[in-house]
PDB file of N, CA and C in Angstrom:
ATOM      1  N   UNK A   1     154.951 112.459  72.922  1.00  0.00           N
ATOM      2  CA  UNK A   1     155.576 111.325  73.181  1.00  0.00           C
ATOM      3  C   UNK A   1     155.928 110.521  72.253  1.00  0.00           C
ATOM      4  N   UNK A   2     156.593 109.822  72.440  1.00  0.00           N
ATOM      5  CA  UNK A   2     157.495 109.321  71.881  1.00  0.00           C
ATOM      6  C   UNK A   2     157.440 107.276  72.176  1.00  0.00           C
ATOM      7  N   UNK A   3     157.148 106.515  71.916  1.00  0.00           N
ATOM      8  CA  UNK A   3     156.478 105.094  71.432  1.00  0.00           C
ATOM      9  C   UNK A   3     157.860 103.961  70.222  1.00  0.00           C
ATOM     10  N   UNK A   4     157.792 103.147  70.991  1.00  0.00           N
ATOM     11  CA  UNK A   4     158.493 101.916  70.510  1.00  0.00           C
ATOM     12  C   UNK A   4     157.660 101.194  69.226  1.00  0.00           C
ATOM     13  N   UNK A   5     158.896 101.037  68.198  1.00  0.00           N
ATOM     14  CA  UNK A   5     157.806 100.161  67.235  1.00  0.00           C
ATOM     15  C   UNK A   5     156.336  99.439  67.174  1.00  0.00           C
ATOM     16  N   UNK A   6     156.847  98.734  68.655  1.00  0.00           N
ATOM     17  CA  UNK A   6     155.733  98.024  69.018  1.00  0.00           C
ATOM     18  C   UNK A   6     154.463  98.941  69.699  1.00  0.00           C
ATOM     19  N   UNK A   7     154.592 100.240  70.060  1.00  0.00           N
ATOM     20  CA  UNK A   7     153.771 100.854  70.362  1.00  0.00           C
ATOM     21  C   UNK A   7     153.406 100.783  71.901  1.00  0.00           C
ATOM     22  N   UNK A   8     154.650 100.773  72.544  1.00  0.00           N
ATOM     23  CA  UNK A   8     154.750 100.932  74.210  1.00  0.00           C
ATOM     24  C   UNK A   8     155.547 102.456  74.227  1.00  0.00           C
ATOM     25  N   UNK A   9     154.614 102.872  75.198  1.00  0.00           N
ATOM     26  CA  UNK A   9     155.618 104.358  75.879  1.00  0.00           C
ATOM     27  C   UNK A   9     157.308 104.514  75.776  1.00  0.00           C
ATOM     28  N   UNK A  10     157.888 105.169  75.523  1.00  0.00           N
ATOM     29  CA  UNK A  10     158.996 105.511  75.341  1.00  0.00           C
ATOM     30  C   UNK A  10     159.582 106.821  75.973  1.00  0.00           C
ATOM     31  N   UNK A  11     158.762 107.318  76.466  1.00  0.00           N
ATOM     32  CA  UNK A  11     158.795 108.699  77.122  1.00  0.00           C
ATOM     33  C   UNK A  11     158.316 109.697  76.518  1.00  0.00           C
ATOM     34  N   UNK A  12     158.841 111.025  77.147  1.00  0.00           N
ATOM     35  CA  UNK A  12     157.893 112.837  76.307  1.00  0.00           C
ATOM     36  C   UNK A  12     159.238 113.557  76.040  1.00  0.00           C
ATOM     37  N   UNK A  13     158.714 114.543  75.525  1.00  0.00           N
ATOM     38  CA  UNK A  13     160.064 115.896  75.115  1.00  0.00           C
ATOM     39  C   UNK A  13     158.453 116.611  75.982  1.00  0.00           C
ATOM     40  N   UNK A  14     159.252 117.550  76.426  1.00  0.00           N
ATOM     41  CA  UNK A  14     158.755 118.692  77.161  1.00  0.00           C
ATOM     42  C   UNK A  14     158.978 119.881  75.982  1.00  0.00           C
ATOM     43  N   UNK A  15     157.878 120.767  75.565  1.00  0.00           N
ATOM     44  CA  UNK A  15     158.102 121.885  74.817  1.00  0.00           C
ATOM     45  C   UNK A  15     157.972 123.070  76.109  1.00  0.00           C
ATOM     46  N   UNK A  16     158.577 124.299  75.934  1.00  0.00           N
ATOM     47  CA  UNK A  16     157.710 125.442  76.630  1.00  0.00           C
ATOM     48  C   UNK A  16     157.816 126.712  76.027  1.00  0.00           C
ATOM     49  N   UNK A  17     157.658 127.006  74.277  1.00  0.00           N
ATOM     50  CA  UNK A  17     158.060 127.740  73.789  1.00  0.00           C
ATOM     51  C   UNK A  17     156.828 128.044  74.124  1.00  0.00           C
ATOM     52  N   UNK A  18     156.191 129.490  74.461  1.00  0.00           N
ATOM     53  CA  UNK A  18     154.550 129.856  74.251  1.00  0.00           C
ATOM     54  C   UNK A  18     154.046 129.860  72.673  1.00  0.00           C
ATOM     55  N   UNK A  19     155.292 130.046  71.544  1.00  0.00           N
ATOM     56  CA  UNK A  19     154.438 130.194  70.635  1.00  0.00           C
ATOM     57  C   UNK A  19     153.739 129.042  70.355  1.00  0.00           C
ATOM     58  N   UNK A  20     154.475 127.807  70.726  1.00  0.00           N
ATOM     59  CA  UNK A  20     154.381 126.646  69.953  1.00  0.00           C
ATOM     60  C   UNK A  20     153.199 126.048  70.922  1.00  0.00           C
ATOM     61  N   UNK A  21     153.247 125.989  72.452  1.00  0.00           N
ATOM     62  CA  UNK A  21     152.069 125.977  73.201  1.00  0.00           C
ATOM     63  C   UNK A  21     150.857 126.469  72.916  1.00  0.00           C
ATOM     64  N   UNK A  22     151.083 127.646  72.491  1.00  0.00           N
ATOM     65  CA  UNK A  22     149.423 128.771  72.291  1.00  0.00           C
ATOM     66  C   UNK A  22     149.583 128.098  71.147  1.00  0.00           C
ATOM     67  N   UNK A  23     149.878 127.419  69.593  1.00  0.00           N
ATOM     68  CA  UNK A  23     149.486 126.804  68.435  1.00  0.00           C
ATOM     69  C   UNK A  23     148.463 125.154  68.688  1.00  0.00           C
ATOM     70  N   UNK A  24     149.656 124.871  69.911  1.00  0.00           N
ATOM     71  CA  UNK A  24     149.003 123.328  70.215  1.00  0.00           C
ATOM     72  C   UNK A  24     147.549 123.699  70.415  1.00  0.00           C
ATOM     73  N   UNK A  25     147.874 124.713  71.829  1.00  0.00           N
ATOM     74  CA  UNK A  25     145.835 125.104  72.400  1.00  0.00           C
ATOM     75  C   UNK A  25     145.208 125.177  71.728  1.00  0.00           C
ATOM     76  N   UNK A  26     145.513 125.754  70.667  1.00  0.00           N
ATOM     77  CA  UNK A  26     144.635 126.469  69.507  1.00  0.00           C
ATOM     78  C   UNK A  26     144.268 124.979  68.129  1.00  0.00           C
ATOM     79  N   UNK A  27     144.714 123.928  68.031  1.00  0.00           N
ATOM     80  CA  UNK A  27     144.524 123.011  67.748  1.00  0.00           C
ATOM     81  C   UNK A  27     143.387 121.977  68.675  1.00  0.00           C
ATOM     82  N   UNK A  28     143.557 122.119  69.591  1.00  0.00           N
ATOM     83  CA  UNK A  28     143.447 120.981  70.521  1.00  0.00           C
ATOM     84  C   UNK A  28     141.383 122.174  70.716  1.00  0.00           C
ATOM     85  N   UNK A  29     141.968 123.069  70.419  1.00  0.00           N
ATOM     86  CA  UNK A  29     140.362 123.350  71.030  1.00  0.00           C
ATOM     87  C   UNK A  29     139.736 123.390  69.742  1.00  0.00           C
ATOM     88  N   UNK A  30     140.349 123.672  67.755  1.00  0.00           N
ATOM     89  CA  UNK A  30     139.331 123.744  67.223  1.00  0.00           C
ATOM     90  C   UNK A  30     138.554 122.097  66.763  1.00  0.00           C
ATOM     91  N   UNK A  31     140.242 120.720  66.639  1.00  0.00           N
ATOM     92  CA  UNK A  31     139.182 119.767  67.492  1.00  0.00           C
ATOM     93  C   UNK A  31     138.146 119.719  68.273  1.00  0.00           C
ATOM     94  N   UNK A  32     138.042 119.616  69.113  1.00  0.00           N
ATOM     95  CA  UNK A  32     137.037 119.854  69.952  1.00  0.00           C
ATOM     96  C   UNK A  32     135.763 120.305  69.743  1.00  0.00           C
ATOM     97  N   UNK A  33     135.768 121.608  69.168  1.00  0.00           N
ATOM     98  CA  UNK A  33     134.783 122.461  68.442  1.00  0.00           C
ATOM     99  C   UNK A  33     134.228 121.194  67.114  1.00  0.00           C
ATOM    100  N   UNK A  34     135.534 120.811  66.447  1.00  0.00           N
ATOM    101  CA  UNK A  34     134.638 119.996  65.035  1.00  0.00           C
ATOM    102  C   UNK A  34     134.046 118.894  65.979  1.00  0.00           C
ATOM    103  N   UNK A  35     134.944 118.331  66.783  1.00  0.00           N
ATOM    104  CA  UNK A  35     134.123 116.908  67.116  1.00  0.00           C
ATOM    105  C   UNK A  35     132.955 116.526  67.287  1.00  0.00           C
ATOM    106  N   UNK A  36     132.843 115.347  67.239  1.00  0.00           N
ATOM    107  CA  UNK A  36     131.428 114.887  67.887  1.00  0.00           C
ATOM    108  C   UNK A  36     130.870 114.056  68.900  1.00  0.00           C
ATOM    109  N   UNK A  37     129.747 114.549  69.628  1.00  0.00           N
ATOM    110  CA  UNK A  37     129.636 114.289  70.546  1.00  0.00           C
ATOM    111  C   UNK A  37     129.890 112.300  71.065  1.00  0.00           C
ATOM    112  N   UNK A  38     130.255 111.293  72.048  1.00  0.00           N
ATOM    113  CA  UNK A  38     130.830 110.234  71.924  1.00  0.00           C
ATOM    114  C   UNK A  38     129.237 109.127  71.403  1.00  0.00           C
ATOM    115  N   UNK A  39     128.392 109.900  72.169  1.00  0.00           N
ATOM    116  CA  UNK A  39     126.984 108.756  71.604  1.00  0.00           C
ATOM    117  C   UNK A  39     126.360 108.745  70.876  1.00  0.00           C
ATOM    118  N   UNK A  40     126.389 110.451  70.151  1.00  0.00           N
ATOM    119  CA  UNK A  40     126.334 110.285  68.545  1.00  0.00           C
ATOM    120  C   UNK A  40     127.088 109.521  67.605  1.00  0.00           C
ATOM    121  N   UNK A  41     128.041 109.952  67.494  1.00  0.00           N
ATOM    122  CA  UNK A  41     129.176 109.066  66.563  1.00  0.00           C
ATOM    123  C   UNK A  41     128.853 107.152  67.093  1.00  0.00           C
ATOM    124  N   UNK A  42     128.586 106.934  68.425  1.00  0.00           N
ATOM    125  CA  UNK A  42     128.487 105.763  68.948  1.00  0.00           C
ATOM    126  C   UNK A  42     126.577 105.127  67.914  1.00  0.00           C
ATOM    127  N   UNK A  43     125.738 106.026  67.922  1.00  0.00           N
ATOM    128  CA  UNK A  43     124.547 105.994  67.008  1.00  0.00           C
ATOM    129  C   UNK A  43     124.889 105.671  65.628  1.00  0.00           C
ATOM    130  N   UNK A  44     125.369 106.497  65.664  1.00  0.00           N
ATOM    131  CA  UNK A  44     125.889 107.119  64.038  1.00  0.00           C
ATOM    132  C   UNK A  44     126.319 105.641  63.080  1.00  0.00           C
ATOM    133  N   UNK A  45     127.769 105.015  63.996  1.00  0.00           N
ATOM    134  CA  UNK A  45     129.085 104.897  63.791  1.00  0.00           C
ATOM    135  C   UNK A  45     129.165 103.184  64.166  1.00  0.00           C
ATOM    136  N   UNK A  46     129.281 102.945  65.388  1.00  0.00           N
ATOM    137  CA  UNK A  46     129.235 101.887  66.012  1.00  0.00           C
ATOM    138  C   UNK A  46     128.148 101.292  66.260  1.00  0.00           C
ATOM    139  N   UNK A  47     126.972 101.131  66.318  1.00  0.00           N
ATOM    140  CA  UNK A  47     125.623 100.599  66.620  1.00  0.00           C
ATOM    141  C   UNK A  47     125.317  99.902  65.244  1.00  0.00           C
ATOM    142  N   UNK A  48     125.021 100.812  64.501  1.00  0.00           N
ATOM    143  CA  UNK A  48     125.268  99.970  62.872  1.00  0.00           C
ATOM    144  C   UNK A  48     125.605  98.528  62.735  1.00  0.00           C
ATOM    145  N   UNK A  49     127.387  99.528  63.304  1.00  0.00           N
ATOM    146  CA  UNK A  49     128.523  97.630  62.763  1.00  0.00           C
ATOM    147  C   UNK A  49     128.120  96.653  63.620  1.00  0.00           C
ATOM    148  N   UNK A  50     128.208  96.822  64.945  1.00  0.00           N
ATOM    149  CA  UNK A  50     127.822  95.987  66.061  1.00  0.00           C
ATOM    150  C   UNK A  50     126.550  94.971  65.645  1.00  0.00           C
ATOM    151  N   UNK A  51     125.669  95.960  65.118  1.00  0.00           N
ATOM    152  CA  UNK A  51     124.234  95.159  64.790  1.00  0.00           C
ATOM    153  C   UNK A  51     124.449  94.646  63.004  1.00  0.00           C
ATOM    154  N   UNK A  52     125.190  94.519  62.460  1.00  0.00           N
ATOM    155  CA  UNK A  52     125.675  93.816  61.522  1.00  0.00           C
ATOM    156  C   UNK A  52     126.016  92.424  61.561  1.00  0.00           C
ATOM    157  N   UNK A  53     127.060  92.652  62.661  1.00  0.00           N
ATOM    158  CA  UNK A  53     128.364  91.723  63.198  1.00  0.00           C
ATOM    159  C   UNK A  53     127.319  90.597  63.711  1.00  0.00           C
ATOM    160  N   UNK A  54     126.795  91.214  64.893  1.00  0.00           N
ATOM    161  CA  UNK A  54     125.300  90.464  65.116  1.00  0.00           C
ATOM    162  C   UNK A  54     124.429  89.478  64.640  1.00  0.00           C
ATOM    163  N   UNK A  55     124.402  90.205  63.548  1.00  0.00           N
ATOM    164  CA  UNK A  55     123.366  89.845  62.534  1.00  0.00           C
ATOM    165  C   UNK A  55     124.090  88.219  61.388  1.00  0.00           C
ATOM    166  N   UNK A  56     125.202  88.984  61.008  1.00  0.00           N
ATOM    167  CA  UNK A  56     126.235  87.260  60.810  1.00  0.00           C
ATOM    168  C   UNK A  56     126.307  86.574  61.507  1.00  0.00           C
ATOM    169  N   UNK A  57     126.665  86.637  62.862  1.00  0.00           N
ATOM    170  CA  UNK A  57     127.467  85.935  63.860  1.00  0.00           C
ATOM    171  C   UNK A  57     125.834  84.808  64.338  1.00  0.00           C
ATOM    172  N   UNK A  58     124.857  85.873  64.058  1.00  0.00           N
ATOM    173  CA  UNK A  58     123.715  84.842  64.117  1.00  0.00           C
ATOM    174  C   UNK A  58     123.345  83.822  63.211  1.00  0.00           C
ATOM    175  N   UNK A  59     123.547  84.106  61.926  1.00  0.00           N
ATOM    176  CA  UNK A  59     123.618  83.588  60.671  1.00  0.00           C
ATOM    177  C   UNK A  59     124.466  81.927  60.600  1.00  0.00           C
ATOM    178  N   UNK A  60     125.564  82.038  61.423  1.00  0.00           N
ATOM    179  CA  UNK A  60     126.948  81.317  61.155  1.00  0.00           C
ATOM    180  C   UNK A  60     126.143  80.607  62.212  1.00  0.00           C
ATOM    181  N   UNK A  61     125.713  80.559  63.389  1.00  0.00           N
ATOM    182  CA  UNK A  61     124.962  79.580  64.730  1.00  0.00           C
ATOM    183  C   UNK A  61     123.560  78.472  64.019  1.00  0.00           C
ATOM    184  N   UNK A  62     123.135  78.652  62.790  1.00  0.00           N
ATOM    185  CA  UNK A  62     122.671  78.109  62.497  1.00  0.00           C
ATOM    186  C   UNK A  62     122.951  76.700  61.721  1.00  0.00           C
TER     187      UNK A  62
END
């Protein structure tokens, strides 16, 4: 994928080489194997951040 400096999609390049495609597939499979389920990530990372933010906002409203 290609993007503009502003981050907008600007096209793509199609690769058809079997070795490259195989390497990319293996990389993606490894990323998926190493990845964390979305809900456990949310519980571990996002939820505490949201709770802390809500606490700060509540203190500012007082």
